[in-house]
Protein backbone atom coordinates (compact mmCIF):
# COMPACT_ATOMS: atom_id res chain seq x y z
CA MET A 1 97.35 212.22 175.62
CA GLY A 2 99.67 210.56 178.10
CA ASN A 3 102.24 207.92 177.38
CA THR A 4 99.90 205.31 178.65
CA MET A 5 98.16 205.10 175.31
CA GLN A 6 99.24 202.16 173.20
CA ARG A 7 97.84 202.08 169.73
CA THR A 8 97.91 198.88 167.68
CA ALA A 9 98.51 201.12 164.64
CA PHE A 10 102.16 201.35 165.87
CA GLU A 11 102.66 197.84 164.48
CA ASP A 12 101.39 198.99 161.08
CA LEU A 13 103.75 201.98 161.17
CA ALA A 14 106.73 199.81 162.14
CA ALA A 15 105.97 197.45 159.22
CA TRP A 16 105.70 200.48 156.91
CA LYS A 17 109.08 201.83 158.04
CA GLU A 18 110.82 198.52 157.26
CA SER A 19 108.95 197.74 154.04
CA PRO A 20 111.04 197.59 150.87
CA ASP A 21 108.00 198.87 148.92
CA ARG A 22 107.46 201.83 151.28
CA LYS A 23 105.79 204.91 149.81
CA PRO A 24 104.82 208.15 151.58
CA LEU A 25 102.14 207.21 154.12
CA VAL A 26 98.82 209.01 154.28
CA ILE A 27 96.83 208.47 157.51
CA ARG A 28 93.09 208.93 157.21
CA GLY A 29 90.60 209.18 160.02
CA ALA A 30 88.05 211.47 161.63
CA ARG A 31 89.24 214.52 163.49
CA GLN A 32 90.56 213.95 167.03
CA VAL A 33 91.15 210.20 166.68
CA GLY A 34 94.84 210.71 167.46
CA LYS A 35 96.58 211.00 164.05
CA THR A 36 98.99 213.81 165.06
CA TRP A 37 99.90 212.17 168.36
CA LEU A 38 100.51 208.84 166.62
CA MET A 39 102.84 210.29 163.97
CA ARG A 40 104.86 212.36 166.47
CA GLN A 41 105.10 209.55 169.00
CA PHE A 42 106.22 207.07 166.35
CA GLY A 43 108.78 209.58 165.07
CA ARG A 44 110.16 210.06 168.60
CA ASP A 45 110.32 206.31 169.26
CA CYS A 46 111.67 205.08 165.93
CA TYR A 47 113.72 207.88 164.29
CA LYS A 48 116.64 210.06 165.27
CA SER A 49 114.56 213.18 164.69
CA VAL A 50 111.09 214.37 163.58
CA ALA A 51 110.54 217.30 161.22
CA TYR A 52 106.95 218.34 161.86
CA PHE A 53 105.06 220.74 159.58
CA ASN A 54 101.45 221.84 160.06
CA PHE A 55 99.77 223.44 157.04
CA ASP A 56 96.93 224.78 159.10
CA GLU A 57 99.17 226.66 161.54
CA ASP A 58 101.81 227.84 159.08
CA ILE A 59 100.11 229.35 156.07
CA ASP A 60 103.38 230.29 154.37
CA LEU A 61 104.48 226.67 154.10
CA ALA A 62 102.32 226.21 151.03
CA SER A 63 104.57 228.48 148.94
CA VAL A 64 107.46 225.96 149.26
CA PHE A 65 105.37 223.36 147.46
CA GLU A 66 103.67 225.69 145.03
CA ALA A 67 107.01 226.97 143.73
CA ASN A 68 108.95 223.66 143.65
CA LYS A 69 108.42 220.24 142.20
CA ASP A 70 111.85 218.83 143.00
CA PRO A 71 111.63 216.90 146.32
CA HIS A 72 115.36 217.42 147.08
CA ARG A 73 114.86 221.19 146.82
CA ILE A 74 111.71 220.92 148.97
CA VAL A 75 113.69 219.02 151.65
CA GLU A 76 116.43 221.66 151.50
CA LEU A 77 113.91 224.45 152.16
CA LEU A 78 112.07 222.43 154.85
CA SER A 79 115.44 221.85 156.62
CA LEU A 80 115.92 225.60 156.75
CA ILE A 81 112.39 226.10 158.17
CA ALA A 82 112.84 223.33 160.76
CA GLY A 83 116.30 224.64 161.71
CA GLU A 84 117.91 221.18 161.40
CA LYS A 85 119.06 219.03 158.54
CA ILE A 86 116.46 216.50 157.33
CA LEU A 87 118.26 213.22 156.66
CA PRO A 88 117.09 210.27 154.55
CA ARG A 89 115.96 207.33 156.74
CA ASP A 90 116.91 209.07 160.01
CA THR A 91 114.35 211.90 160.01
CA LEU A 92 110.62 211.31 159.91
CA ILE A 93 109.00 214.10 157.86
CA VAL A 94 105.45 214.76 159.08
CA PHE A 95 102.97 216.83 157.08
CA ASP A 96 99.95 217.55 159.26
CA GLU A 97 96.64 219.02 158.07
CA ILE A 98 97.90 218.39 154.54
CA GLN A 99 94.36 218.86 153.16
CA GLU A 100 95.06 222.63 153.45
CA CYS A 101 97.67 222.46 150.69
CA SER A 102 96.88 220.44 147.58
CA ALA A 103 100.39 221.15 146.17
CA ALA A 104 101.90 219.34 149.20
CA LEU A 105 99.50 216.42 148.76
CA ASN A 106 100.56 216.27 145.15
CA ALA A 107 104.26 216.52 146.07
CA LEU A 108 104.01 213.12 147.77
CA LYS A 109 104.26 211.50 144.35
CA TYR A 110 107.59 213.29 143.66
CA PHE A 111 108.89 211.88 146.92
CA LYS A 112 107.91 208.43 145.80
CA GLU A 113 109.41 208.87 142.31
CA LYS A 114 112.61 210.77 143.05
CA ALA A 115 113.34 210.77 146.77
CA ASN A 116 111.93 207.60 148.27
CA ASP A 117 114.78 207.26 150.79
CA TYR A 118 113.09 210.07 152.74
CA HIS A 119 110.42 208.79 155.14
CA VAL A 120 107.27 210.90 154.79
CA MET A 121 103.96 210.70 156.67
CA ALA A 122 100.95 212.90 156.11
CA ALA A 123 97.57 213.26 157.78
CA GLY A 124 94.68 215.61 157.98
CA SER A 125 91.06 215.79 158.95
CA LEU A 126 88.59 215.13 156.19
CA LEU A 127 91.33 213.69 154.00
CA GLY A 128 89.05 210.83 153.15
CA THR A 129 86.57 213.21 151.57
CA LEU A 130 89.38 214.73 149.57
CA LEU A 131 90.74 211.40 148.50
CA ALA A 132 87.32 210.38 147.31
CA GLN A 133 87.53 213.09 144.64
CA PRO A 134 89.35 212.22 141.45
CA LYS A 135 92.54 214.02 140.52
CA SER A 136 93.11 215.41 143.95
CA TYR A 137 95.86 213.11 145.12
CA PRO A 138 98.62 210.89 143.80
CA VAL A 139 96.86 207.59 143.18
CA GLY A 140 99.12 204.56 143.61
CA MET A 141 101.97 206.73 144.89
CA VAL A 142 101.12 206.56 148.57
CA ASN A 143 100.40 203.95 151.23
CA LEU A 144 97.16 204.46 153.13
CA LEU A 145 96.38 203.74 156.77
CA ASP A 146 92.98 204.27 158.36
CA LEU A 147 92.95 205.29 162.01
CA TYR A 148 89.88 204.78 164.17
CA PRO A 149 89.02 205.55 167.79
CA LEU A 150 90.53 203.13 170.30
CA CYS A 151 88.91 199.72 170.12
CA PHE A 152 88.05 197.82 173.28
CA ASP A 153 91.44 196.07 173.67
CA GLU A 154 93.33 199.38 173.36
CA PHE A 155 90.94 200.91 175.90
CA LEU A 156 91.49 198.00 178.28
CA GLU A 157 95.27 198.25 177.98
CA ALA A 158 95.11 201.96 178.80
CA THR A 159 92.70 201.63 181.73
CA ASP A 160 93.54 198.28 183.37
CA PRO A 161 96.86 196.75 182.23
CA ASP A 162 96.52 193.70 184.54
CA LEU A 163 93.10 192.79 183.20
CA PHE A 164 94.43 193.40 179.70
CA ALA A 165 97.17 190.81 180.33
CA TYR A 166 94.45 188.26 181.21
CA TYR A 167 92.42 189.32 178.14
CA ARG A 168 95.44 188.72 175.92
CA SER A 169 95.91 185.24 177.32
CA ILE A 170 92.40 184.09 176.31
CA ARG A 171 92.62 181.36 173.67
CA LYS A 172 90.12 179.49 171.54
CA ASN A 173 87.89 177.05 173.52
CA GLN A 174 89.26 178.32 176.84
CA PRO A 175 86.63 178.81 179.53
CA ILE A 176 86.68 182.22 181.24
CA GLU A 177 86.61 182.22 185.04
CA GLU A 178 83.57 183.94 186.52
CA LEU A 179 85.70 186.49 188.39
CA PHE A 180 87.39 187.67 185.17
CA HIS A 181 84.16 187.48 183.20
CA ARG A 182 82.55 189.91 185.65
CA ARG A 183 85.55 192.28 185.56
CA LEU A 184 85.66 192.26 181.76
CA LEU A 185 81.93 192.92 181.54
CA GLU A 186 82.39 195.88 183.83
CA ALA A 187 85.21 197.19 181.58
CA PHE A 188 82.93 196.70 178.58
CA ASN A 189 80.21 198.80 180.25
CA HIS A 190 82.80 201.52 180.89
CA TYR A 191 83.82 201.40 177.23
CA LEU A 192 80.19 201.89 176.14
CA ILE A 193 80.14 205.05 178.27
CA ILE A 194 83.59 206.42 177.49
CA GLY A 195 84.06 205.14 173.92
CA GLY A 196 87.40 205.26 172.16
CA MET A 197 88.15 208.94 171.50
CA PRO A 198 91.71 209.41 172.83
CA GLU A 199 90.85 212.53 174.82
CA CYS A 200 87.94 210.79 176.57
CA VAL A 201 90.04 207.72 177.36
CA ALA A 202 92.93 209.83 178.69
CA SER A 203 90.50 211.77 180.90
CA TRP A 204 88.96 208.51 182.20
CA VAL A 205 92.42 207.06 182.99
CA GLN A 206 93.31 210.19 184.90
CA TYR A 207 90.11 211.08 186.74
CA LYS A 208 87.76 208.08 186.50
CA ASP A 209 84.98 210.68 186.23
CA PRO A 210 82.30 209.89 183.63
CA ALA A 211 80.92 213.47 183.85
CA LYS A 212 84.29 214.80 182.59
CA ALA A 213 84.27 212.33 179.70
CA LEU A 214 80.72 213.35 178.84
CA ARG A 215 81.77 217.00 178.70
CA ILE A 216 84.55 216.11 176.24
CA GLN A 217 82.12 214.07 174.14
CA ARG A 218 79.73 217.02 173.91
CA GLU A 219 82.60 219.30 172.90
CA LEU A 220 83.72 216.84 170.24
CA ILE A 221 80.24 216.63 168.73
CA GLU A 222 80.18 220.41 168.67
CA ILE A 223 83.59 220.49 166.88
CA TYR A 224 82.32 218.05 164.27
CA GLU A 225 79.12 219.95 163.68
CA ASN A 226 81.13 223.16 163.27
CA ASP A 227 83.36 221.35 160.79
CA PHE A 228 80.33 220.56 158.67
CA SER A 229 79.27 224.18 158.56
CA LYS A 230 82.80 225.22 157.50
CA HIS A 231 82.68 222.73 154.66
CA ASN A 232 82.08 224.77 151.60
CA GLY A 233 82.21 222.26 148.78
CA LYS A 234 79.43 221.43 146.42
CA ILE A 235 77.57 219.42 149.08
CA ASN A 236 75.19 221.42 151.19
CA SER A 237 76.58 221.57 154.75
CA GLY A 238 73.03 221.77 156.19
CA ARG A 239 72.30 218.35 154.68
CA ILE A 240 75.46 216.86 156.12
CA LEU A 241 74.34 218.09 159.55
CA GLN A 242 70.80 216.74 159.05
CA VAL A 243 72.09 213.26 158.18
CA PHE A 244 74.51 213.30 161.13
CA ARG A 245 71.77 214.28 163.57
CA SER A 246 69.38 211.68 162.20
CA ILE A 247 71.67 208.73 163.07
CA VAL A 248 70.19 208.16 166.54
CA PRO A 249 66.51 208.17 165.46
CA GLN A 250 67.45 206.04 162.41
CA LEU A 251 69.02 203.37 164.61
CA ALA A 252 66.20 203.58 167.13
CA LYS A 253 63.62 202.46 164.53
CA ALA A 254 62.44 198.88 164.61
CA ASN A 255 64.45 197.83 161.57
CA GLU A 256 67.32 200.39 161.85
CA LYS A 257 67.45 200.65 158.06
CA PHE A 258 68.35 204.14 156.89
CA MET A 259 65.34 206.00 155.55
CA TYR A 260 65.70 209.28 153.74
CA GLY A 261 62.20 210.28 154.84
CA ALA A 262 63.34 210.05 158.47
CA VAL A 263 65.94 212.79 157.85
CA ARG A 264 63.35 215.10 156.38
CA GLU A 265 59.79 214.39 155.44
CA GLY A 266 59.34 213.54 151.77
CA ALA A 267 63.12 213.44 151.17
CA ARG A 268 64.54 211.29 148.37
CA ALA A 269 67.85 209.55 147.98
CA ARG A 270 69.19 212.19 145.62
CA ASP A 271 68.70 214.85 148.33
CA PHE A 272 71.00 213.22 150.84
CA GLU A 273 73.13 210.69 148.97
CA GLU A 274 76.12 213.00 148.64
CA ALA A 275 75.93 214.11 152.27
CA ILE A 276 76.02 210.43 153.38
CA GLU A 277 78.93 209.70 151.09
CA TRP A 278 80.78 212.70 152.52
CA LEU A 279 80.26 211.53 156.13
CA VAL A 280 81.34 207.97 155.27
CA SER A 281 84.49 209.22 153.47
CA ALA A 282 85.24 211.56 156.39
CA GLY A 283 85.34 208.48 158.62
CA MET A 284 82.37 209.66 160.74
CA LEU A 285 79.86 207.03 159.70
CA ASN A 286 80.10 203.36 158.84
CA ARG A 287 77.76 202.08 156.17
CA VAL A 288 76.56 198.46 156.31
CA CYS A 289 74.77 197.16 153.22
CA ASN A 290 72.01 194.59 153.07
CA THR A 291 73.00 191.54 151.08
CA VAL A 292 70.55 189.83 148.71
CA LYS A 293 72.07 186.45 149.48
CA PRO A 294 74.53 185.62 152.17
CA GLU A 295 77.02 183.82 149.93
CA HIS A 296 80.67 184.16 148.99
CA PRO A 297 81.77 186.72 147.70
CA LEU A 298 79.57 188.98 149.82
CA PRO A 299 80.11 192.29 147.95
CA ALA A 300 78.66 190.73 144.78
CA PHE A 301 75.20 190.63 146.36
CA ASP A 302 74.95 194.12 147.89
CA LYS A 303 71.58 195.82 147.81
CA THR A 304 73.16 199.22 147.60
CA ASP A 305 69.90 201.10 148.23
CA GLN A 306 69.32 199.29 151.56
CA PHE A 307 71.80 200.06 154.27
CA LYS A 308 72.30 201.05 157.90
CA LEU A 309 74.52 203.83 159.12
CA PHE A 310 76.42 203.53 162.37
CA LEU A 311 78.55 206.11 164.16
CA PHE A 312 82.35 205.73 164.24
CA ASP A 313 82.50 205.85 168.04
CA THR A 314 80.20 204.16 170.53
CA GLY A 315 80.84 206.72 173.29
CA LEU A 316 79.78 209.59 171.01
CA LEU A 317 76.68 207.65 169.97
CA LYS A 318 75.77 207.15 173.64
CA CYS A 319 76.20 210.90 174.17
CA MET A 320 74.11 211.82 171.09
CA ALA A 321 71.36 209.44 172.17
CA GLY A 322 71.33 211.08 175.61
CA ILE A 323 71.66 207.74 177.45
CA ASP A 324 72.27 208.27 181.12
CA ASN A 325 75.42 206.47 182.32
CA ALA A 326 73.49 204.99 185.21
CA ALA A 327 71.31 203.04 182.75
CA ILE A 328 74.41 201.24 181.47
CA LEU A 329 76.08 200.78 184.85
CA LEU A 330 72.97 199.56 186.62
CA LYS A 331 72.59 197.03 183.81
CA SER A 332 68.98 198.07 183.37
CA ASP A 333 67.09 197.60 180.14
CA TYR A 334 66.83 200.89 178.34
CA GLN A 335 65.68 201.88 174.91
CA PHE A 336 68.49 202.01 172.36
CA LYS A 337 70.49 199.33 174.17
CA GLY A 338 70.36 197.06 171.09
CA PRO A 339 71.61 199.63 168.51
CA LEU A 340 74.36 200.85 170.86
CA THR A 341 75.62 197.30 171.28
CA GLU A 342 75.48 196.67 167.52
CA ASN A 343 77.41 199.86 166.93
CA TYR A 344 80.04 198.61 169.38
CA VAL A 345 80.30 195.19 167.69
CA LEU A 346 80.67 196.74 164.25
CA GLN A 347 83.42 199.00 165.52
CA GLN A 348 85.36 196.03 166.87
CA LEU A 349 84.88 193.89 163.76
CA GLN A 350 86.13 196.66 161.52
CA GLU A 351 89.28 195.70 159.73
CA LEU A 352 89.34 192.19 161.27
CA PHE A 353 88.11 190.66 158.06
CA GLU A 354 89.14 191.40 154.50
CA VAL A 355 85.54 192.15 153.53
CA ALA A 356 83.48 194.66 155.53
CA PRO A 357 80.48 193.19 157.42
CA ARG A 358 77.02 193.18 155.80
CA TYR A 359 73.58 192.44 157.22
CA PHE A 360 70.87 190.18 155.79
CA ALA A 361 67.18 191.03 155.81
CA ASP A 362 64.23 189.64 153.93
CA LYS A 363 60.50 189.67 154.52
CA ARG A 364 60.75 187.09 157.24
CA GLY A 365 63.35 188.56 159.43
CA GLU A 366 66.84 189.90 159.80
CA ILE A 367 70.37 188.79 160.70
CA ASP A 368 72.34 191.51 162.49
CA PHE A 369 75.59 190.96 160.56
CA VAL A 370 77.07 188.47 158.13
CA LEU A 371 80.83 188.10 157.94
CA GLN A 372 83.00 186.62 155.24
CA ASN A 373 85.77 184.55 156.81
CA GLY A 374 87.84 183.18 153.88
CA THR A 375 85.18 181.57 151.69
CA GLU A 376 82.86 180.94 154.62
CA ILE A 377 79.87 183.14 155.43
CA VAL A 378 79.30 183.47 159.18
CA PRO A 379 75.95 184.81 160.48
CA VAL A 380 76.15 187.01 163.58
CA GLU A 381 73.58 187.78 166.21
CA VAL A 382 74.12 190.62 168.66
CA LYS A 383 72.40 190.48 172.03
CA ALA A 384 72.65 193.35 174.43
CA GLY A 385 71.80 191.04 177.36
CA GLU A 386 71.93 187.30 177.78
CA ASP A 387 68.73 186.41 175.99
CA LYS A 388 68.46 183.43 173.75
CA SER A 389 68.43 183.57 169.97
CA ALA A 390 65.78 185.36 167.96
CA PRO A 391 63.47 183.21 165.76
CA SER A 392 64.90 184.74 162.56
CA PHE A 393 68.42 183.63 163.58
CA LYS A 394 67.25 180.07 164.29
CA ARG A 395 65.42 180.01 160.94
CA TYR A 396 68.54 181.21 159.13
CA LEU A 397 70.63 178.45 160.75
CA ALA A 398 68.09 175.83 159.75
CA GLU A 399 67.78 177.07 156.13
CA HIS A 400 71.36 177.99 155.31
CA SER A 401 73.13 175.49 157.59
CA PRO A 402 76.37 177.48 157.94
CA ARG A 403 79.43 175.66 159.29
CA GLN A 404 79.49 178.09 162.21
CA ALA A 405 77.63 181.05 163.62
CA ILE A 406 78.33 183.69 166.28
CA ARG A 407 76.23 185.14 169.04
CA PHE A 408 77.66 188.13 170.87
CA SER A 409 76.12 188.56 174.30
CA LYS A 410 76.88 189.05 177.98
CA ARG A 411 77.04 185.30 178.55
CA GLY A 412 80.36 183.57 178.95
CA TYR A 413 82.38 182.10 176.10
CA CYS A 414 80.87 178.75 175.12
CA LYS A 415 79.81 176.58 172.20
CA ASP A 416 76.11 176.06 171.72
CA GLY A 417 75.82 173.52 168.88
CA LEU A 418 77.16 175.32 165.82
CA VAL A 419 76.74 178.70 167.52
CA THR A 420 79.81 180.10 169.29
CA ASN A 421 78.72 182.45 172.05
CA ILE A 422 81.36 185.15 172.27
CA PRO A 423 81.12 187.60 175.19
CA LEU A 424 80.79 191.17 173.92
CA TYR A 425 84.15 192.11 175.40
CA LEU A 426 85.90 189.57 173.12
CA ALA A 427 84.46 190.90 169.85
CA ARG A 428 87.91 192.12 168.84
CA LYS A 429 89.21 188.54 169.11
CA THR A 430 86.46 187.08 166.92
CA LYS A 431 88.81 185.92 164.21
CA GLU A 432 91.06 183.93 166.56
CA LEU A 433 88.07 182.40 168.39
CA LEU A 434 86.23 181.09 165.33
């Protein structure tokens, strides 16, 4: 990854470094989303030196942690391995692929208790699945940061800095000039094709060749599927793979709701529940629950047995669905356009609000997403084109009379009664535009 890549997570890391309550930081996220690059880059930019240790590459490292509980002794030995003195505050200690060594994961709590003036970061693929298990990590002794693929604004900054400067300047109630609207829509279409995996974005910045990006996407999917087969825990790896491969047909169904029978005929929840949980904890899938009533506080009304699963990266979903790039670029109507756009919107809304988005469905219809903004519940409609609102959305507005509502579409930014129409490329700015 070149230096062109700016990740908004840098701000989180800078705040962590300066925080008086700082604990060792554990970064979670799917494989290949840029955790290693982020830690090393931040170390280079903000510390005098970086002491980097990879538990996957150096098998012998584990013995340091297995034999010692005292963090000062651990630092002493790590200094010898690194060939330079590790200093409190000046050296960033990075533990990569820490999931390979549970003693190192456990040692983080000793750093917090006895040596908190050392700055420690750790990351690893599938950490989320590990952290979901009790007793496997130091609860309350670490800070957690989730890292995702690049969202649209990070993609825009990497691919077109000038357009990004305009994007940044967009304020609430500000009309968007047609020229910029067209350019931003074009960038949005590119993002649907490329997605936010750092390797794909870096390739696109360098070559502007969608075929190259597609090749990388295929390789990534292959890596992930191989990861599942290597997983040898109590969850059957074949089932993890089956759930993963069923995401596209699940989203292509009329109501998109996840059905166990669509993974395998006659399947029940108990057959695949754990596999889903594993994929969600690994950061590969995002689960969106149906809510019984769209009221504050949203999580209180979850119908936990009714949910949709979306993929963590739109570009990979496009690749798995086998959508030809031309279909997106030529702005034609193709099957799966709706789910792909919803996947995109969910990705951008992630982490914007304190409470994760839900959807609302009853016998009479469905609302794509409902958001909790403070105490307000905001219904959201996602349109892949410019079409007007669906009847179920209009009915919802009439029955629930929310203070505001959002429609994401390819139309410009405008107010339509209580509905704010937000262009798809501004989804990341939703909070400031409400």
